[in-house]
Each structure stands twice: as C-alpha cells, then as structure tokens.
Protein backbone atom coordinates (compact mmCIF):
# COMPACT_ATOMS: atom_id res chain seq x y z
CA MET A 1 8.42 -23.91 -13.50
CA GLY A 2 8.14 -20.64 -15.32
CA ALA A 3 11.43 -19.12 -14.13
CA GLU A 4 14.80 -19.88 -12.60
CA HIS A 5 14.99 -19.58 -8.82
CA GLY A 6 18.53 -18.42 -8.19
CA GLY A 7 20.17 -16.93 -5.13
CA ARG A 8 19.49 -13.45 -3.95
CA SER A 9 21.86 -10.66 -4.89
CA SER A 10 22.29 -7.39 -3.05
CA GLY A 11 20.75 -5.63 -6.03
CA ALA A 12 17.62 -7.77 -5.79
CA GLN A 13 17.33 -7.06 -2.07
CA SER A 14 17.62 -3.34 -2.78
CA ARG A 15 14.81 -3.49 -5.32
CA ILE A 16 12.64 -5.42 -2.86
CA SER A 17 13.17 -2.77 -0.19
CA GLN A 18 12.25 -0.03 -2.64
CA TRP A 19 9.04 -1.82 -3.60
CA LEU A 20 8.05 -2.36 0.02
CA ARG A 21 8.66 1.30 0.91
CA ARG A 22 6.59 2.56 -1.98
CA ARG A 23 3.24 4.02 -0.89
CA GLY A 24 1.57 4.22 -4.27
CA ARG A 25 1.96 5.73 -7.69
CA THR A 26 0.79 9.16 -8.72
CA GLY A 27 -1.87 9.04 -11.43
CA ALA A 28 -4.43 11.22 -13.13
CA ASP A 29 -7.32 9.65 -11.25
CA SER A 30 -8.81 11.33 -8.18
CA GLY A 31 -11.20 10.38 -5.38
CA GLY A 32 -12.30 6.74 -5.11
CA ALA A 33 -10.86 5.79 -8.50
CA GLY A 34 -7.49 7.21 -7.50
CA ALA A 35 -7.46 5.31 -4.21
CA ALA A 36 -8.38 2.08 -5.99
CA SER A 37 -5.59 2.64 -8.50
CA GLN A 38 -3.08 3.15 -5.71
CA ARG A 39 -4.23 -0.01 -3.92
CA SER A 40 -3.88 -1.97 -7.16
CA ALA A 41 -0.40 -0.59 -7.74
CA ARG A 42 0.61 -1.34 -4.16
CA ARG A 43 -0.68 -4.92 -4.49
CA GLU A 44 1.28 -5.43 -7.69
CA ASP A 45 4.46 -4.03 -6.13
CA LEU A 46 4.18 -6.38 -3.15
CA LEU A 47 3.67 -9.40 -5.40
CA LEU A 48 6.64 -8.44 -7.56
CA ALA A 49 8.73 -8.06 -4.40
CA VAL A 50 7.86 -11.63 -3.42
CA ALA A 51 8.78 -12.90 -6.88
CA ALA A 52 12.02 -10.91 -6.86
CA ALA A 53 12.90 -12.71 -3.62
CA GLY A 54 12.68 -15.98 -5.56
CA LEU A 55 9.33 -17.27 -4.26
CA PRO A 56 7.23 -18.73 -7.12
CA LEU A 57 3.64 -17.46 -7.34
CA ALA A 58 0.36 -18.65 -8.85
CA PRO A 59 -3.16 -17.13 -8.75
CA ALA A 60 -5.53 -18.20 -5.98
CA ALA A 61 -9.21 -17.85 -5.19
CA HIS A 62 -10.56 -14.77 -3.45
CA PRO A 63 -13.51 -13.90 -1.20
CA ALA A 64 -16.95 -13.48 -2.72
CA GLY A 65 -18.81 -12.08 0.24
CA TYR A 66 -18.44 -14.69 2.98
CA ARG A 67 -17.88 -17.42 0.41
CA CYS A 68 -15.17 -18.45 -2.03
CA SER A 69 -14.90 -17.28 -5.62
CA CYS A 70 -14.55 -20.89 -6.81
CA ASP A 71 -17.47 -23.00 -8.06
CA ARG A 72 -17.23 -25.58 -5.29
CA ILE A 73 -20.31 -25.62 -3.06
CA GLY A 74 -19.28 -25.35 0.57
CA CYS A 75 -15.59 -24.82 -0.27
CA PRO A 76 -13.65 -25.96 2.85
CA THR A 77 -10.82 -23.44 2.31
CA PRO A 78 -12.50 -20.31 0.92
CA ALA A 79 -10.05 -17.89 -0.73
CA ARG A 80 -7.09 -19.99 0.45
CA HIS A 81 -6.46 -22.34 -2.50
CA PRO A 82 -5.01 -22.08 -6.03
CA VAL A 83 -7.28 -21.43 -8.98
CA SER A 84 -5.65 -24.07 -11.18
CA PHE A 85 -5.03 -27.75 -10.41
CA ALA A 86 -1.72 -27.22 -12.24
CA TRP A 87 -0.51 -24.69 -9.68
CA GLN A 88 2.82 -26.47 -9.11
CA THR A 89 3.87 -26.18 -12.75
CA GLN A 90 2.13 -22.81 -13.15
CA SER A 91 4.04 -21.18 -10.27
CA THR A 92 6.63 -18.71 -11.49
CA THR A 93 8.79 -15.76 -10.55
CA ASP A 94 8.57 -14.26 -14.04
CA ARG A 95 7.84 -10.54 -13.66
CA ALA A 96 5.87 -10.14 -16.88
CA GLN A 97 3.61 -13.11 -16.11
CA ILE A 98 2.89 -11.91 -12.58
CA GLU A 99 2.09 -8.43 -13.86
CA ARG A 100 -0.40 -9.95 -16.34
CA TRP A 101 -2.04 -12.03 -13.63
CA ALA A 102 -2.25 -9.11 -11.22
CA ARG A 103 -3.79 -6.78 -13.82
CA HIS A 104 -6.16 -9.28 -15.45
CA GLN A 105 -7.30 -10.80 -12.12
CA PRO A 106 -7.49 -7.76 -9.83
CA GLN A 107 -9.41 -9.61 -7.09
CA ALA A 108 -7.22 -12.71 -7.00
CA ASN A 109 -5.12 -13.81 -4.07
CA PHE A 110 -1.81 -15.54 -4.77
CA ILE A 111 -0.17 -18.65 -3.37
CA THR A 112 3.49 -19.59 -3.31
CA ALA A 113 4.49 -23.20 -3.95
CA THR A 114 6.75 -24.52 -1.19
CA GLY A 115 9.53 -27.10 -1.32
CA MET A 116 11.37 -25.69 -4.35
CA VAL A 117 13.03 -22.55 -3.00
CA HIS A 118 11.52 -22.22 0.43
CA ASP A 119 9.53 -24.00 3.12
CA VAL A 120 7.04 -22.49 5.56
CA LEU A 121 6.61 -23.30 9.24
CA ASP A 122 2.93 -22.64 9.98
CA VAL A 123 1.89 -22.26 13.63
CA PRO A 124 -1.07 -20.89 15.65
CA LEU A 125 -1.00 -17.10 15.69
CA ASP A 126 -0.56 -16.62 19.44
CA ALA A 127 2.21 -19.22 19.57
CA GLY A 128 3.88 -17.61 16.57
CA ARG A 129 3.87 -14.15 18.09
CA ALA A 130 5.43 -15.44 21.29
CA ALA A 131 8.01 -17.45 19.34
CA LEU A 132 8.91 -14.47 17.13
CA ALA A 133 9.56 -12.30 20.19
CA ARG A 134 11.81 -14.99 21.67
CA LEU A 135 13.69 -15.56 18.43
CA LEU A 136 14.41 -11.87 17.93
CA ALA A 137 15.42 -11.44 21.58
CA ALA A 138 17.85 -14.34 21.19
CA GLU A 139 19.19 -12.74 17.98
CA VAL A 140 18.29 -15.80 15.93
CA GLU A 141 18.18 -15.08 12.21
CA VAL A 142 14.51 -14.84 11.21
CA GLY A 143 13.35 -14.53 7.64
CA PRO A 144 10.05 -13.32 6.20
CA VAL A 145 7.06 -13.75 8.52
CA ALA A 146 3.38 -13.32 7.67
CA GLU A 147 0.21 -13.24 9.77
CA SER A 148 -3.00 -14.83 8.54
CA GLU A 149 -5.91 -13.39 10.45
CA GLY A 150 -8.61 -15.75 11.63
CA VAL A 151 -11.29 -16.28 14.22
CA GLY A 152 -9.98 -18.30 17.15
CA GLU A 153 -7.77 -21.18 16.06
CA GLN A 154 -7.83 -20.20 12.37
CA GLY A 155 -5.35 -17.38 13.01
CA ARG A 156 -1.89 -18.51 11.84
CA MET A 157 1.66 -17.18 11.68
CA LEU A 158 3.85 -18.25 8.75
CA PHE A 159 7.64 -18.41 9.08
CA PHE A 160 9.32 -18.55 5.65
CA THR A 161 12.57 -20.53 5.62
CA ALA A 162 15.03 -22.06 3.19
CA THR A 163 13.89 -25.39 1.80
CA ARG A 164 15.28 -28.65 3.12
CA GLY A 165 16.18 -29.61 -0.44
CA THR A 166 15.61 -33.08 -1.86
CA PRO A 167 16.54 -35.74 0.71
CA GLU A 168 17.94 -38.99 -0.66
CA ASP A 169 15.73 -40.88 1.76
CA GLU A 170 12.06 -40.17 1.09
CA ASP A 171 11.28 -40.99 4.74
CA GLU A 172 13.12 -37.81 5.71
CA TRP A 173 10.31 -35.69 4.29
CA TRP A 174 7.99 -34.11 6.83
CA PRO A 175 4.59 -34.77 5.22
CA CYS A 176 2.40 -31.79 4.40
CA GLU A 177 -0.78 -33.81 4.86
CA LEU A 178 -0.36 -33.95 8.64
CA ASP A 179 0.70 -31.57 11.38
CA CYS A 180 3.25 -34.27 12.29
CA HIS A 181 3.82 -37.99 12.30
CA PRO A 182 1.19 -39.57 14.59
CA GLU A 183 3.86 -40.93 16.92
CA THR A 184 5.28 -37.41 17.48
CA MET A 185 1.98 -35.55 17.63
CA ASP A 186 2.42 -34.63 21.29
CA GLU A 187 5.82 -33.12 20.51
CA HIS A 188 4.62 -30.80 17.73
CA PRO A 189 1.03 -29.73 18.45
CA GLY A 190 -0.45 -27.37 15.91
CA LEU A 191 2.73 -26.99 13.83
CA ARG A 192 2.73 -27.67 10.12
CA TRP A 193 5.81 -27.79 7.91
CA HIS A 194 4.89 -26.85 4.33
CA CYS A 195 7.44 -28.41 2.01
CA ARG A 196 7.23 -30.23 -1.31
CA GLY A 197 3.69 -30.46 -2.69
CA SER A 198 2.22 -27.75 -0.46
CA TYR A 199 1.55 -24.03 -0.64
CA VAL A 200 0.59 -21.00 1.43
CA LEU A 201 -1.05 -17.67 0.68
CA VAL A 202 1.29 -14.71 0.29
CA PRO A 203 0.49 -11.13 1.27
CA PRO A 204 -1.39 -9.15 0.36
CA ALA A 205 -4.33 -11.56 0.50
CA ARG A 206 -7.97 -11.13 1.49
CA LEU A 207 -10.05 -13.70 3.36
CA PRO A 208 -13.82 -13.94 3.96
CA GLY A 209 -15.11 -11.85 6.84
CA GLU A 210 -12.85 -8.89 5.98
CA LEU A 211 -9.79 -10.76 7.23
CA ALA A 212 -6.38 -10.57 5.58
CA VAL A 213 -2.89 -12.00 5.28
CA GLY A 214 -0.11 -9.44 5.74
CA TRP A 215 3.63 -9.21 6.26
CA VAL A 216 5.16 -8.85 9.72
CA ARG A 217 8.64 -9.12 8.18
CA GLY A 218 8.79 -8.72 4.42
CA PRO A 219 10.37 -10.88 1.72
CA GLU A 220 13.56 -8.79 1.73
CA PHE A 221 14.79 -10.81 4.73
CA THR A 222 17.08 -13.76 4.01
CA LEU A 223 15.54 -17.22 4.30
CA PRO A 224 17.00 -18.99 7.38
CA ASP A 225 17.63 -22.67 8.01
CA PRO A 226 14.30 -24.01 9.35
CA LEU A 227 16.03 -26.07 12.02
CA THR A 228 17.28 -22.89 13.72
CA LEU A 229 13.66 -21.87 14.38
CA LEU A 230 12.15 -25.25 15.13
CA GLU A 231 13.01 -25.63 18.83
CA ILE A 232 11.45 -22.33 19.90
CA LEU A 233 8.46 -22.77 17.58
CA THR A 234 7.66 -26.24 18.93
CA ASP A 235 8.18 -25.02 22.49
CA GLU A 236 5.66 -22.20 22.03
CA CYS A 237 3.23 -24.50 20.20
CA ALA A 238 3.36 -26.91 23.14
CA ARG A 239 2.82 -24.05 25.58
CA TYR A 240 -0.11 -22.79 23.50
CA ALA A 241 -1.62 -26.29 23.32
CA GLY A 242 -1.40 -26.60 27.09
CA GLU A 243 -3.12 -23.28 27.63
CA THR A 244 -5.96 -24.19 25.27
CA LYS A 245 -6.33 -27.81 26.38
CA ASP A 246 -9.32 -26.99 28.58
CA ASP A 247 -11.16 -25.67 25.50
CA ALA A 248 -10.70 -28.85 23.46
CA ASP A 249 -13.97 -30.35 24.67
CA ASP A 250 -15.79 -27.24 23.42
CA GLY A 251 -14.76 -27.95 19.83
CA ALA A 252 -11.52 -25.98 19.58
CA ASP A 253 -9.43 -27.13 16.63
CA ILE A 254 -5.72 -26.44 16.70
CA GLY A 255 -5.14 -27.94 13.24
CA ALA A 256 -3.40 -25.88 10.61
CA TRP A 257 -4.98 -24.63 7.43
CA PRO A 258 -5.48 -25.20 4.57
CA LEU A 259 -7.88 -27.92 5.67
CA ARG A 260 -8.28 -30.88 3.38
CA GLY A 261 -11.62 -31.37 1.70
C-alpha cells in the first residue's frame, strides 16, 4: 500500500465537504478551454476527497468510443477495470501520487480496492434506490452511495461500508467471485459483496455509451457496519428479482459487474 489508512478526523471530514462543494477553480482560460480546465479541476478534487476519506485509489481504463481503452479485444468490462495487474499494491491514498495520476492520465477512471478499509455492497440500481429510501426513512446510518448507470440490468447502486476486517476463519469470507454461495443464491439474488481481492469504480467515472458513475451520497459520510444494511438490501433484491423473473427467459441477467472474462 502506498499510504496509511487511518480513521477519519473531523478536520478530514471538513476538507472533504469543502472539496465536494467546490464548483471549479478560476483560471486564465476562457471558452471551451476554460470549461475543460474546470472539469479537470473538479475531477481531481473529487478524487482527492475520496482519498482523504481513506479509500485507496488506482488508475483504471476509460471509454474509447464504445470500446475500452485497454488493448484487449472484446474487453468484457470496458472502462471498468484497473490499468495495472498490480492494482492491489498500487492502490494508495497519497495525495501527491493521486494528483500525478489525475494530471498525467486526464481520461482515466479510478478504482478503489476493497477489503482493506472498506467493503462495497453492490446491488441492481432499482433495488438499490428502493433500499436507500427505506434505510433513510428508518434512520439507519448510511454511508457513501454511488450510482453506476447502465442499460437494463447493468445499472448498479454501490453502498460503501466499513470492512469486515480479517476473519480468523477463512470460510467466513463472502467470496467476491460469486453473487453468493450457491446454496444461498435464492436468498441473495443480484447482490454482490466486494471485500478482499475486489474493487469498484469510484466517481467521477465515465462508461461507454456516455454513461457515468456518480455520487448519490459523497465520501464525507461515515462508513457504516455492512450488516446494518444487509437485511433491507437483500429484501429489495429479492423483490426486484421477483418482479423481473418473467423477463429471465428473454435473456435478462441480474448478475453484478464487473463480469469475469
């Protein structure tokens, strides 16, 4: 890891809020160049806010038209995967390094490695929206939440939570390779728990087809215990799966991304 991932202080939260409120920086440029400069500055501020919240970042691929910027022909996860195979050791919260990446790779998306500081509960977008409304109405503590736009079942909502830590029993890990254990598949349709060895895109990110990943609730919110969200999330995923069951024969896929190649 490139930086320590300590707890959040009130000062750090204040800086995050300031970054997220910022609408751009005033520069000498005007017209299209000025707008591009402001977008670049805004992107950098948002990435630094994520890092200041303790979430380690690494560069990811980006859209190249309707394809991926990587060299892989027929990339199965265009613009959704890290650039480097060493992304787990490359991930960092170091401000200077993230500034260099953001400025030297202006088109790049960024991923955050899960299972070190935070986990992510990844659910279908419609189920996530319904669950978020229920959680907030019940006054359950909810942390950062992001929406990943997508056509049909590729739309996802990402709930950022505290990590489960390092269980003494390896069987306690919820595997990232599957939505769930096969024997509990009916209980957790469409839900994916990103923990150790996984990653997700962080906003702001661009996807092919002029889609994007953006914050619904920013990284200034405290990471909650994932178990406090799980019941409502699984309930809404099951409801969503029931409503879409009739479409399964037409090729609907409720699996989570990133898909494995």
